[in-house]
Amino acid sequence: MIVSGSSAANLLYLVQPDLTAKWQKAMHNWNRILAQQAIVYDDRLRLDL
């Protein structure tokens, strides 16, 4: 199936509410992930949120 650029953009626009609804849930093991990212990206990661 070939999808043009505008068709892909329209599809993403239509499914956006379904995708962003999942972002509200807490992520499993977030503290562990954040600690690992702090080690790898210590110069770019701000932890003073």
C-alpha atoms as a PDB file:
ATOM      1  CA  MET A   1       0.000   0.000   0.000  1.00  0.00           C
ATOM      2  CA  ILE A   2       1.443   3.343  -1.057  1.00  0.00           C
ATOM      3  CA  VAL A   3       0.411   6.403   0.934  1.00  0.00           C
ATOM      4  CA  SER A   4       1.121   9.933  -0.236  1.00  0.00           C
ATOM      5  CA  GLY A   5       2.550  12.529   2.144  1.00  0.00           C
ATOM      6  CA  SER A   6      -0.717  14.391   2.575  1.00  0.00           C
ATOM      7  CA  SER A   7      -2.623  11.148   3.131  1.00  0.00           C
ATOM      8  CA  ALA A   8      -0.148  10.114   5.826  1.00  0.00           C
ATOM      9  CA  ALA A   9      -0.469  13.521   7.499  1.00  0.00           C
ATOM     10  CA  ASN A  10      -4.261  13.272   7.434  1.00  0.00           C
ATOM     11  CA  LEU A  11      -4.130   9.798   8.953  1.00  0.00           C
ATOM     12  CA  LEU A  12      -1.839  10.967  11.751  1.00  0.00           C
ATOM     13  CA  TYR A  13      -4.143  13.919  12.404  1.00  0.00           C
ATOM     14  CA  LEU A  14      -7.129  11.598  12.744  1.00  0.00           C
ATOM     15  CA  VAL A  15      -5.476   9.096  15.107  1.00  0.00           C
ATOM     16  CA  GLN A  16      -3.715  11.745  17.224  1.00  0.00           C
ATOM     17  CA  PRO A  17      -6.373  11.805  20.010  1.00  0.00           C
ATOM     18  CA  ASP A  18      -6.094   8.027  20.433  1.00  0.00           C
ATOM     19  CA  LEU A  19      -2.304   8.177  20.611  1.00  0.00           C
ATOM     20  CA  THR A  20      -2.055  11.075  23.036  1.00  0.00           C
ATOM     21  CA  ALA A  21      -4.632   9.546  25.395  1.00  0.00           C
ATOM     22  CA  LYS A  22      -2.098   6.811  26.150  1.00  0.00           C
ATOM     23  CA  TRP A  23       0.524   9.432  27.102  1.00  0.00           C
ATOM     24  CA  GLN A  24      -1.427  10.284  30.246  1.00  0.00           C
ATOM     25  CA  LYS A  25      -0.730   6.903  31.819  1.00  0.00           C
ATOM     26  CA  ALA A  26       2.237   6.362  34.100  1.00  0.00           C
ATOM     27  CA  MET A  27       5.157   4.586  32.480  1.00  0.00           C
ATOM     28  CA  HIS A  28       6.316   1.321  34.013  1.00  0.00           C
ATOM     29  CA  ASN A  29       9.813   1.584  35.631  1.00  0.00           C
ATOM     30  CA  TRP A  30      10.092   5.312  34.809  1.00  0.00           C
ATOM     31  CA  ASN A  31      12.591   5.966  37.634  1.00  0.00           C
ATOM     32  CA  ARG A  32      14.908   3.268  36.298  1.00  0.00           C
ATOM     33  CA  ILE A  33      14.654   4.597  32.737  1.00  0.00           C
ATOM     34  CA  LEU A  34      15.338   8.144  33.897  1.00  0.00           C
ATOM     35  CA  ALA A  35      18.395   7.032  35.881  1.00  0.00           C
ATOM     36  CA  GLN A  36      19.831   5.246  32.839  1.00  0.00           C
ATOM     37  CA  GLN A  37      19.201   8.265  30.619  1.00  0.00           C
ATOM     38  CA  ALA A  38      20.898  10.514  33.184  1.00  0.00           C
ATOM     39  CA  ILE A  39      24.046   8.384  32.917  1.00  0.00           C
ATOM     40  CA  VAL A  40      24.119   8.384  29.126  1.00  0.00           C
ATOM     41  CA  TYR A  41      22.936  11.957  28.518  1.00  0.00           C
ATOM     42  CA  ASP A  42      24.135  13.720  31.663  1.00  0.00           C
ATOM     43  CA  ASP A  43      25.011  16.919  29.798  1.00  0.00           C
ATOM     44  CA  ARG A  44      21.593  17.190  28.074  1.00  0.00           C
ATOM     45  CA  LEU A  45      19.138  15.880  30.641  1.00  0.00           C
ATOM     46  CA  ARG A  46      17.546  18.339  33.076  1.00  0.00           C
ATOM     47  CA  LEU A  47      16.333  16.674  36.267  1.00  0.00           C
ATOM     48  CA  ASP A  48      15.052  19.846  37.953  1.00  0.00           C
ATOM     49  CA  LEU A  49      11.496  19.382  36.675  1.00  0.00           C
END
